[in-house]
Amino acid sequence: ALRNKNYYICLYQNHIYIYNYEEILNFTNDIILVKIDDFNLKIKGTNMHIKKMEHGELLISGLISGVSYE
C-alpha cells in the first residue's frame, strides 16, 4: 500500500485499489494510465477491467504484471 494525504494506492493479488485519483488517461486490456496528484500511475497486465468506479475510487482487476510512476 502507498498512502499519502492526497491519495491511497493498495495492490492486492489480481486487484489494485486507488483512492482519490483525478482522471483515467488511457484504458486498454493491457495498460491503464491513471492521473493521481502530480504523477501518472501506469498499470500493466492482461485481461484488466474496472470492477468498481465511484467518486474518487477505482478498483481494477486482472492479471497485474507491473505498476510504475511517470
Protein backbone atom coordinates (compact mmCIF):
# COMPACT_ATOMS: atom_id res chain seq x y z
CA ALA A 1 0.00 0.00 0.00
CA LEU A 2 1.06 3.56 -0.68
CA ARG A 3 -0.60 6.25 1.38
CA ASN A 4 -0.29 9.99 1.12
CA LYS A 5 -2.51 12.73 2.48
CA ASN A 6 -3.90 13.19 -1.06
CA TYR A 7 -4.24 9.58 -2.31
CA TYR A 8 -4.15 5.90 -1.39
CA ILE A 9 -2.99 3.00 -3.59
CA CYS A 10 -3.17 -0.63 -2.50
CA LEU A 11 -2.05 -3.61 -4.57
CA TYR A 12 -3.66 -6.99 -3.93
CA GLN A 13 -3.38 -10.26 -5.82
CA ASN A 14 -5.11 -9.58 -9.16
CA HIS A 15 -6.53 -6.22 -7.95
CA ILE A 16 -5.38 -2.66 -7.42
CA TYR A 17 -7.39 -0.13 -5.41
CA ILE A 18 -6.88 3.60 -5.95
CA TYR A 19 -8.49 6.27 -3.79
CA ASN A 20 -8.67 9.93 -4.76
CA TYR A 21 -7.50 9.65 -8.36
CA GLU A 22 -8.02 12.57 -10.73
CA GLU A 23 -8.57 11.04 -14.17
CA ILE A 24 -8.22 7.88 -16.26
CA LEU A 25 -5.93 8.91 -19.12
CA ASN A 26 -5.74 5.63 -21.06
CA PHE A 27 -7.54 2.32 -20.73
CA THR A 28 -6.92 -0.95 -22.60
CA ASN A 29 -6.89 -4.60 -21.53
CA ASP A 30 -3.10 -4.40 -21.18
CA ILE A 31 -2.31 -0.88 -19.91
CA ILE A 32 -4.20 1.55 -17.71
CA LEU A 33 -2.84 5.05 -17.12
CA VAL A 34 -4.33 6.98 -14.20
CA LYS A 35 -3.55 10.58 -13.17
CA ILE A 36 -3.02 10.88 -9.42
CA ASP A 37 -1.99 14.12 -7.77
CA ASP A 38 1.22 15.23 -9.58
CA PHE A 39 2.12 11.93 -11.33
CA ASN A 40 0.65 9.27 -13.60
CA LEU A 41 0.29 5.67 -12.44
CA LYS A 42 0.87 3.11 -15.20
CA ILE A 43 -0.61 -0.34 -14.57
CA LYS A 44 0.44 -3.19 -16.88
CA GLY A 45 -1.22 -6.57 -17.10
CA THR A 46 -3.63 -8.74 -19.06
CA ASN A 47 -7.41 -9.02 -19.05
CA MET A 48 -7.71 -5.91 -16.88
CA HIS A 49 -11.06 -4.27 -16.32
CA ILE A 50 -12.62 -1.76 -13.96
CA LYS A 51 -14.52 -3.63 -11.30
CA LYS A 52 -15.63 -0.58 -9.30
CA MET A 53 -15.65 3.09 -10.19
CA GLU A 54 -17.18 5.62 -7.83
CA HIS A 55 -16.43 9.23 -6.97
CA GLY A 56 -12.67 9.22 -6.41
CA GLU A 57 -12.42 5.42 -6.05
CA LEU A 58 -11.21 2.92 -8.60
CA LEU A 59 -10.87 -0.87 -8.32
CA ILE A 60 -9.11 -2.59 -11.21
CA SER A 61 -8.91 -6.35 -11.55
CA GLY A 62 -6.96 -8.63 -13.89
CA LEU A 63 -3.54 -10.24 -14.06
CA ILE A 64 -1.40 -7.27 -13.00
CA SER A 65 2.24 -7.64 -14.01
CA GLY A 66 3.62 -4.23 -13.08
CA VAL A 67 2.94 -0.79 -11.64
CA SER A 68 5.12 2.24 -12.32
CA TYR A 69 5.09 6.03 -11.93
CA GLU A 70 5.55 8.52 -14.74
